[in-house]
Amino acid sequence: MRFLPDKWVGDDILRDKLCRLYTISKCKDCVVSDLGEWPNDEWKLNFQWRRERFMWKMVLVQQLTNILANVQWKRDSKDGWV
């Protein structure tokens, strides 16, 4: 599953819900499992943006973080989540 363009969390496509973040993403078609790592056995997403985040972007990143708060990440899963 691609992180932003595909429906994989909830009923919304993240690209549509957070379109301003999508436009500045360096990784528009990256799959979920390629956007993070497992330091200390905890999944940590690593977002990459084309330019510095202004205050409005910080608000959108917080919205994205809130959306992802209930995702159950799984280390050995093909996609990276349950």
PDB file of N, CA and C in Angstrom:
ATOM      1  N   MET A   1       0.831  -1.184   0.000  1.00  0.00           N
ATOM      2  CA  MET A   1       0.000   0.000   0.000  1.00  0.00           C
ATOM      3  C   MET A   1       0.876   1.249   0.000  1.00  0.00           C
ATOM      4  N   ARG A   2       0.486   2.198  -0.795  1.00  0.00           N
ATOM      5  CA  ARG A   2       1.191   3.471  -0.801  1.00  0.00           C
ATOM      6  C   ARG A   2       0.654   4.334   0.336  1.00  0.00           C
ATOM      7  N   PHE A   3       1.529   5.043   1.001  1.00  0.00           N
ATOM      8  CA  PHE A   3       1.190   5.764   2.219  1.00  0.00           C
ATOM      9  C   PHE A   3       0.128   6.852   2.005  1.00  0.00           C
ATOM     10  N   LEU A   4       0.319   7.728   1.050  1.00  0.00           N
ATOM     11  CA  LEU A   4      -0.610   8.840   0.861  1.00  0.00           C
ATOM     12  C   LEU A   4      -1.723   8.583  -0.158  1.00  0.00           C
ATOM     13  N   PRO A   5      -1.458   7.940  -1.315  1.00  0.00           N
ATOM     14  CA  PRO A   5      -2.513   7.816  -2.333  1.00  0.00           C
ATOM     15  C   PRO A   5      -3.512   6.675  -2.140  1.00  0.00           C
ATOM     16  N   ASP A   6      -3.216   5.682  -1.318  1.00  0.00           N
ATOM     17  CA  ASP A   6      -4.106   4.533  -1.178  1.00  0.00           C
ATOM     18  C   ASP A   6      -4.926   4.606   0.112  1.00  0.00           C
ATOM     19  N   LYS A   7      -6.076   3.949   0.097  1.00  0.00           N
ATOM     20  CA  LYS A   7      -6.915   3.873   1.296  1.00  0.00           C
ATOM     21  C   LYS A   7      -6.436   2.700   2.135  1.00  0.00           C
ATOM     22  N   TRP A   8      -5.791   2.986   3.248  1.00  0.00           N
ATOM     23  CA  TRP A   8      -5.275   1.910   4.103  1.00  0.00           C
ATOM     24  C   TRP A   8      -5.533   2.166   5.581  1.00  0.00           C
ATOM     25  N   VAL A   9      -5.898   3.387   5.926  1.00  0.00           N
ATOM     26  CA  VAL A   9      -6.191   3.713   7.323  1.00  0.00           C
ATOM     27  C   VAL A   9      -7.527   4.466   7.369  1.00  0.00           C
ATOM     28  N   GLY A  10      -8.497   3.888   8.044  1.00  0.00           N
ATOM     29  CA  GLY A  10      -9.811   4.524   8.111  1.00  0.00           C
ATOM     30  C   GLY A  10     -10.534   4.501   6.784  1.00  0.00           C
ATOM     31  N   ASP A  11     -11.462   5.416   6.634  1.00  0.00           N
ATOM     32  CA  ASP A  11     -12.276   5.465   5.418  1.00  0.00           C
ATOM     33  C   ASP A  11     -11.805   6.506   4.413  1.00  0.00           C
ATOM     34  N   ASP A  12     -10.729   7.201   4.742  1.00  0.00           N
ATOM     35  CA  ASP A  12     -10.253   8.283   3.880  1.00  0.00           C
ATOM     36  C   ASP A  12      -8.912   7.957   3.252  1.00  0.00           C
ATOM     37  N   ILE A  13      -8.663   8.546   2.108  1.00  0.00           N
ATOM     38  CA  ILE A  13      -7.345   8.496   1.483  1.00  0.00           C
ATOM     39  C   ILE A  13      -6.575   9.690   2.033  1.00  0.00           C
ATOM     40  N   LEU A  14      -5.405   9.427   2.588  1.00  0.00           N
ATOM     41  CA  LEU A  14      -4.645  10.501   3.232  1.00  0.00           C
ATOM     42  C   LEU A  14      -4.310  11.629   2.257  1.00  0.00           C
ATOM     43  N   ARG A  15      -4.044  11.303   1.006  1.00  0.00           N
ATOM     44  CA  ARG A  15      -3.751  12.336  -0.001  1.00  0.00           C
ATOM     45  C   ARG A  15      -4.908  13.322  -0.118  1.00  0.00           C
ATOM     46  N   ASP A  16      -6.141  12.817  -0.070  1.00  0.00           N
ATOM     47  CA  ASP A  16      -7.301  13.683  -0.205  1.00  0.00           C
ATOM     48  C   ASP A  16      -7.571  14.474   1.068  1.00  0.00           C
ATOM     49  N   LYS A  17      -7.360  13.844   2.193  1.00  0.00           N
ATOM     50  CA  LYS A  17      -7.626  14.482   3.477  1.00  0.00           C
ATOM     51  C   LYS A  17      -6.568  15.549   3.801  1.00  0.00           C
ATOM     52  N   LEU A  18      -5.330  15.312   3.381  1.00  0.00           N
ATOM     53  CA  LEU A  18      -4.217  16.209   3.696  1.00  0.00           C
ATOM     54  C   LEU A  18      -3.485  16.604   2.416  1.00  0.00           C
ATOM     55  N   CYS A  19      -4.227  17.119   1.457  1.00  0.00           N
ATOM     56  CA  CYS A  19      -3.674  17.370   0.119  1.00  0.00           C
ATOM     57  C   CYS A  19      -2.511  18.368   0.119  1.00  0.00           C
ATOM     58  N   ARG A  20      -2.506  19.309   1.035  1.00  0.00           N
ATOM     59  CA  ARG A  20      -1.392  20.268   1.072  1.00  0.00           C
ATOM     60  C   ARG A  20      -0.094  19.573   1.461  1.00  0.00           C
ATOM     61  N   LEU A  21      -0.165  18.587   2.349  1.00  0.00           N
ATOM     62  CA  LEU A  21       1.040  17.821   2.686  1.00  0.00           C
ATOM     63  C   LEU A  21       1.479  16.968   1.505  1.00  0.00           C
ATOM     64  N   TYR A  22       0.516  16.411   0.800  1.00  0.00           N
ATOM     65  CA  TYR A  22       0.833  15.578  -0.364  1.00  0.00           C
ATOM     66  C   TYR A  22       1.624  16.376  -1.394  1.00  0.00           C
ATOM     67  N   THR A  23       1.265  17.629  -1.605  1.00  0.00           N
ATOM     68  CA  THR A  23       1.946  18.437  -2.619  1.00  0.00           C
ATOM     69  C   THR A  23       3.401  18.712  -2.272  1.00  0.00           C
ATOM     70  N   ILE A  24       3.754  18.697  -0.987  1.00  0.00           N
ATOM     71  CA  ILE A  24       5.151  18.973  -0.616  1.00  0.00           C
ATOM     72  C   ILE A  24       5.920  17.709  -0.219  1.00  0.00           C
ATOM     73  N   SER A  25       5.277  16.559  -0.327  1.00  0.00           N
ATOM     74  CA  SER A  25       5.938  15.304   0.034  1.00  0.00           C
ATOM     75  C   SER A  25       6.999  14.937  -0.998  1.00  0.00           C
ATOM     76  N   LYS A  26       8.136  14.470  -0.525  1.00  0.00           N
ATOM     77  CA  LYS A  26       9.184  13.979  -1.417  1.00  0.00           C
ATOM     78  C   LYS A  26       8.913  12.542  -1.844  1.00  0.00           C
ATOM     79  N   CYS A  27       7.970  11.920  -1.204  1.00  0.00           N
ATOM     80  CA  CYS A  27       7.734  10.495  -1.435  1.00  0.00           C
ATOM     81  C   CYS A  27       6.250  10.226  -1.681  1.00  0.00           C
ATOM     82  N   LYS A  28       5.727  10.764  -2.752  1.00  0.00           N
ATOM     83  CA  LYS A  28       4.294  10.678  -3.035  1.00  0.00           C
ATOM     84  C   LYS A  28       3.789   9.245  -3.243  1.00  0.00           C
ATOM     85  N   ASP A  29       4.612   8.380  -3.792  1.00  0.00           N
ATOM     86  CA  ASP A  29       4.186   7.014  -4.091  1.00  0.00           C
ATOM     87  C   ASP A  29       4.868   5.955  -3.231  1.00  0.00           C
ATOM     88  N   CYS A  30       5.504   6.360  -2.141  1.00  0.00           N
ATOM     89  CA  CYS A  30       6.186   5.397  -1.267  1.00  0.00           C
ATOM     90  C   CYS A  30       5.178   4.496  -0.561  1.00  0.00           C
ATOM     91  N   VAL A  31       5.570   3.256  -0.383  1.00  0.00           N
ATOM     92  CA  VAL A  31       4.724   2.341   0.382  1.00  0.00           C
ATOM     93  C   VAL A  31       4.923   2.620   1.863  1.00  0.00           C
ATOM     94  N   VAL A  32       3.930   2.249   2.646  1.00  0.00           N
ATOM     95  CA  VAL A  32       3.930   2.538   4.075  1.00  0.00           C
ATOM     96  C   VAL A  32       5.204   2.034   4.744  1.00  0.00           C
ATOM     97  N   SER A  33       5.582   0.805   4.455  1.00  0.00           N
ATOM     98  CA  SER A  33       6.732   0.211   5.142  1.00  0.00           C
ATOM     99  C   SER A  33       8.054   0.901   4.813  1.00  0.00           C
ATOM    100  N   ASP A  34       8.126   1.681   3.734  1.00  0.00           N
ATOM    101  CA  ASP A  34       9.358   2.396   3.381  1.00  0.00           C
ATOM    102  C   ASP A  34       9.475   3.750   4.054  1.00  0.00           C
ATOM    103  N   LEU A  35       8.468   4.169   4.780  1.00  0.00           N
ATOM    104  CA  LEU A  35       8.470   5.509   5.369  1.00  0.00           C
ATOM    105  C   LEU A  35       8.770   5.530   6.857  1.00  0.00           C
ATOM    106  N   GLY A  36       9.391   4.493   7.338  1.00  0.00           N
ATOM    107  CA  GLY A  36       9.703   4.489   8.755  1.00  0.00           C
ATOM    108  C   GLY A  36      10.760   3.466   9.089  1.00  0.00           C
ATOM    109  N   GLU A  37      11.022   3.356  10.392  1.00  0.00           N
ATOM    110  CA  GLU A  37      12.013   2.409  10.879  1.00  0.00           C
ATOM    111  C   GLU A  37      11.627   1.954  12.282  1.00  0.00           C
ATOM    112  N   TRP A  38      12.352   0.989  12.789  1.00  0.00           N
ATOM    113  CA  TRP A  38      12.051   0.371  14.084  1.00  0.00           C
ATOM    114  C   TRP A  38      13.156   0.614  15.114  1.00  0.00           C
ATOM    115  N   PRO A  39      13.482   1.842  15.469  1.00  0.00           N
ATOM    116  CA  PRO A  39      14.472   2.011  16.540  1.00  0.00           C
ATOM    117  C   PRO A  39      13.836   1.640  17.882  1.00  0.00           C
ATOM    118  N   ASN A  40      14.551   0.900  18.693  1.00  0.00           N
ATOM    119  CA  ASN A  40      14.069   0.526  20.035  1.00  0.00           C
ATOM    120  C   ASN A  40      12.708  -0.163  19.999  1.00  0.00           C
ATOM    121  N   ASP A  41      12.460  -0.978  18.979  1.00  0.00           N
ATOM    122  CA  ASP A  41      11.219  -1.752  18.857  1.00  0.00           C
ATOM    123  C   ASP A  41       9.948  -0.904  18.829  1.00  0.00           C
ATOM    124  N   GLU A  42      10.047   0.304  18.347  1.00  0.00           N
ATOM    125  CA  GLU A  42       8.874   1.166  18.192  1.00  0.00           C
ATOM    126  C   GLU A  42       8.920   1.775  16.788  1.00  0.00           C
ATOM    127  N   TRP A  43       7.801   1.685  16.063  1.00  0.00           N
ATOM    128  CA  TRP A  43       7.733   2.205  14.693  1.00  0.00           C
ATOM    129  C   TRP A  43       7.802   3.722  14.711  1.00  0.00           C
ATOM    130  N   LYS A  44       8.703   4.269  13.923  1.00  0.00           N
ATOM    131  CA  LYS A  44       8.859   5.715  13.829  1.00  0.00           C
ATOM    132  C   LYS A  44       8.794   6.101  12.363  1.00  0.00           C
ATOM    133  N   LEU A  45       7.769   6.873  12.023  1.00  0.00           N
ATOM    134  CA  LEU A  45       7.639   7.355  10.649  1.00  0.00           C
ATOM    135  C   LEU A  45       8.660   8.443  10.392  1.00  0.00           C
ATOM    136  N   ASN A  46       9.159   8.489   9.172  1.00  0.00           N
ATOM    137  CA  ASN A  46      10.150   9.470   8.776  1.00  0.00           C
ATOM    138  C   ASN A  46       9.632  10.193   7.537  1.00  0.00           C
ATOM    139  N   PHE A  47       8.930  11.290   7.753  1.00  0.00           N
ATOM    140  CA  PHE A  47       8.374  12.062   6.643  1.00  0.00           C
ATOM    141  C   PHE A  47       9.471  12.905   6.009  1.00  0.00           C
ATOM    142  N   GLN A  48       9.393  13.057   4.690  1.00  0.00           N
ATOM    143  CA  GLN A  48      10.348  13.893   3.974  1.00  0.00           C
ATOM    144  C   GLN A  48       9.582  14.910   3.146  1.00  0.00           C
ATOM    145  N   TRP A  49       9.894  16.179   3.386  1.00  0.00           N
ATOM    146  CA  TRP A  49       9.185  17.269   2.712  1.00  0.00           C
ATOM    147  C   TRP A  49      10.134  18.012   1.790  1.00  0.00           C
ATOM    148  N   ARG A  50       9.592  18.566   0.714  1.00  0.00           N
ATOM    149  CA  ARG A  50      10.391  19.308  -0.265  1.00  0.00           C
ATOM    150  C   ARG A  50      10.881  20.641   0.277  1.00  0.00           C
ATOM    151  N   ARG A  51      10.246  21.185   1.279  1.00  0.00           N
ATOM    152  CA  ARG A  51      10.671  22.464   1.851  1.00  0.00           C
ATOM    153  C   ARG A  51      10.335  22.499   3.332  1.00  0.00           C
ATOM    154  N   GLU A  52      10.834  23.521   3.986  1.00  0.00           N
ATOM    155  CA  GLU A  52      10.606  23.652   5.422  1.00  0.00           C
ATOM    156  C   GLU A  52       9.114  23.719   5.736  1.00  0.00           C
ATOM    157  N   ARG A  53       8.779  23.209   6.911  1.00  0.00           N
ATOM    158  CA  ARG A  53       7.378  23.226   7.329  1.00  0.00           C
ATOM    159  C   ARG A  53       7.040  24.557   7.982  1.00  0.00           C
ATOM    160  N   PHE A  54       6.063  25.215   7.444  1.00  0.00           N
ATOM    161  CA  PHE A  54       5.543  26.433   8.056  1.00  0.00           C
ATOM    162  C   PHE A  54       4.502  26.031   9.088  1.00  0.00           C
ATOM    163  N   MET A  55       3.960  26.992   9.802  1.00  0.00           N
ATOM    164  CA  MET A  55       3.008  26.689  10.872  1.00  0.00           C
ATOM    165  C   MET A  55       1.808  25.897  10.341  1.00  0.00           C
ATOM    166  N   TRP A  56       1.266  26.245   9.192  1.00  0.00           N
ATOM    167  CA  TRP A  56       0.116  25.503   8.667  1.00  0.00           C
ATOM    168  C   TRP A  56       0.480  24.052   8.378  1.00  0.00           C
ATOM    169  N   LYS A  57       1.721  23.822   7.983  1.00  0.00           N
ATOM    170  CA  LYS A  57       2.148  22.451   7.730  1.00  0.00           C
ATOM    171  C   LYS A  57       2.295  21.674   9.035  1.00  0.00           C
ATOM    172  N   MET A  58       2.749  22.358  10.070  1.00  0.00           N
ATOM    173  CA  MET A  58       2.870  21.705  11.377  1.00  0.00           C
ATOM    174  C   MET A  58       1.497  21.248  11.868  1.00  0.00           C
ATOM    175  N   VAL A  59       0.483  22.070  11.629  1.00  0.00           N
ATOM    176  CA  VAL A  59      -0.886  21.705  12.022  1.00  0.00           C
ATOM    177  C   VAL A  59      -1.327  20.464  11.245  1.00  0.00           C
ATOM    178  N   LEU A  60      -1.039  20.411   9.950  1.00  0.00           N
ATOM    179  CA  LEU A  60      -1.410  19.255   9.145  1.00  0.00           C
ATOM    180  C   LEU A  60      -0.621  18.007   9.540  1.00  0.00           C
ATOM    181  N   VAL A  61       0.642  18.171   9.873  1.00  0.00           N
ATOM    182  CA  VAL A  61       1.438  17.029  10.334  1.00  0.00           C
ATOM    183  C   VAL A  61       0.851  16.503  11.646  1.00  0.00           C
ATOM    184  N   GLN A  62       0.395  17.398  12.515  1.00  0.00           N
ATOM    185  CA  GLN A  62      -0.237  16.962  13.759  1.00  0.00           C
ATOM    186  C   GLN A  62      -1.539  16.206  13.460  1.00  0.00           C
ATOM    187  N   GLN A  63      -2.299  16.669  12.485  1.00  0.00           N
ATOM    188  CA  GLN A  63      -3.518  15.953  12.092  1.00  0.00           C
ATOM    189  C   GLN A  63      -3.168  14.553  11.580  1.00  0.00           C
ATOM    190  N   LEU A  64      -2.122  14.456  10.786  1.00  0.00           N
ATOM    191  CA  LEU A  64      -1.682  13.160  10.271  1.00  0.00           C
ATOM    192  C   LEU A  64      -1.246  12.254  11.427  1.00  0.00           C
ATOM    193  N   THR A  65      -0.515  12.809  12.360  1.00  0.00           N
ATOM    194  CA  THR A  65      -0.082  12.046  13.530  1.00  0.00           C
ATOM    195  C   THR A  65      -1.286  11.533  14.307  1.00  0.00           C
ATOM    196  N   ASN A  66      -2.298  12.356  14.471  1.00  0.00           N
ATOM    197  CA  ASN A  66      -3.513  11.940  15.181  1.00  0.00           C
ATOM    198  C   ASN A  66      -4.235  10.818  14.435  1.00  0.00           C
ATOM    199  N   ILE A  67      -4.290  10.905  13.125  1.00  0.00           N
ATOM    200  CA  ILE A  67      -4.930   9.862  12.317  1.00  0.00           C
ATOM    201  C   ILE A  67      -4.190   8.542  12.501  1.00  0.00           C
ATOM    202  N   LEU A  68      -2.867   8.600  12.555  1.00  0.00           N
ATOM    203  CA  LEU A  68      -2.053   7.390  12.629  1.00  0.00           C
ATOM    204  C   LEU A  68      -1.890   6.853  14.047  1.00  0.00           C
ATOM    205  N   ALA A  69      -2.389   7.580  15.032  1.00  0.00           N
ATOM    206  CA  ALA A  69      -2.200   7.187  16.434  1.00  0.00           C
ATOM    207  C   ALA A  69      -2.803   5.820  16.752  1.00  0.00           C
ATOM    208  N   ASN A  70      -3.858   5.435  16.071  1.00  0.00           N
ATOM    209  CA  ASN A  70      -4.519   4.166  16.362  1.00  0.00           C
ATOM    210  C   ASN A  70      -4.078   3.009  15.470  1.00  0.00           C
ATOM    211  N   VAL A  71      -3.130   3.269  14.587  1.00  0.00           N
ATOM    212  CA  VAL A  71      -2.629   2.203  13.722  1.00  0.00           C
ATOM    213  C   VAL A  71      -1.753   1.278  14.555  1.00  0.00           C
ATOM    214  N   GLN A  72      -1.947  -0.012  14.388  1.00  0.00           N
ATOM    215  CA  GLN A  72      -1.117  -1.006  15.073  1.00  0.00           C
ATOM    216  C   GLN A  72      -0.014  -1.441  14.115  1.00  0.00           C
ATOM    217  N   TRP A  73       1.185  -0.917  14.333  1.00  0.00           N
ATOM    218  CA  TRP A  73       2.316  -1.220  13.476  1.00  0.00           C
ATOM    219  C   TRP A  73       2.859  -2.600  13.812  1.00  0.00           C
ATOM    220  N   LYS A  74       3.302  -3.317  12.804  1.00  0.00           N
ATOM    221  CA  LYS A  74       3.807  -4.669  13.003  1.00  0.00           C
ATOM    222  C   LYS A  74       5.117  -4.827  12.232  1.00  0.00           C
ATOM    223  N   ARG A  75       6.153  -5.178  12.932  1.00  0.00           N
ATOM    224  CA  ARG A  75       7.500  -5.248  12.362  1.00  0.00           C
ATOM    225  C   ARG A  75       7.598  -6.218  11.174  1.00  0.00           C
ATOM    226  N   ASP A  76       7.067  -7.390  11.292  1.00  0.00           N
ATOM    227  CA  ASP A  76       7.253  -8.410  10.262  1.00  0.00           C
ATOM    228  C   ASP A  76       6.151  -8.451   9.203  1.00  0.00           C
ATOM    229  N   SER A  77       5.288  -7.459   9.210  1.00  0.00           N
ATOM    230  CA  SER A  77       4.213  -7.403   8.227  1.00  0.00           C
ATOM    231  C   SER A  77       4.745  -6.877   6.898  1.00  0.00           C
ATOM    232  N   LYS A  78       4.228  -7.387   5.801  1.00  0.00           N
ATOM    233  CA  LYS A  78       4.626  -6.932   4.471  1.00  0.00           C
ATOM    234  C   LYS A  78       4.409  -5.430   4.312  1.00  0.00           C
ATOM    235  N   ASP A  79       3.269  -4.944   4.801  1.00  0.00           N
ATOM    236  CA  ASP A  79       2.951  -3.524   4.663  1.00  0.00           C
ATOM    237  C   ASP A  79       3.421  -2.685   5.840  1.00  0.00           C
ATOM    238  N   GLY A  80       3.642  -3.282   6.988  1.00  0.00           N
ATOM    239  CA  GLY A  80       4.137  -2.544   8.137  1.00  0.00           C
ATOM    240  C   GLY A  80       3.101  -2.266   9.211  1.00  0.00           C
ATOM    241  N   TRP A  81       1.861  -2.647   8.972  1.00  0.00           N
ATOM    242  CA  TRP A  81       0.811  -2.431   9.960  1.00  0.00           C
ATOM    243  C   TRP A  81      -0.132  -3.631   9.953  1.00  0.00           C
ATOM    244  N   VAL A  82      -0.936  -3.707  10.986  1.00  0.00           N
ATOM    245  CA  VAL A  82      -1.906  -4.799  11.109  1.00  0.00           C
ATOM    246  C   VAL A  82      -3.186  -4.388  10.428  1.00  0.00           C
TER     247      VAL A  82
END
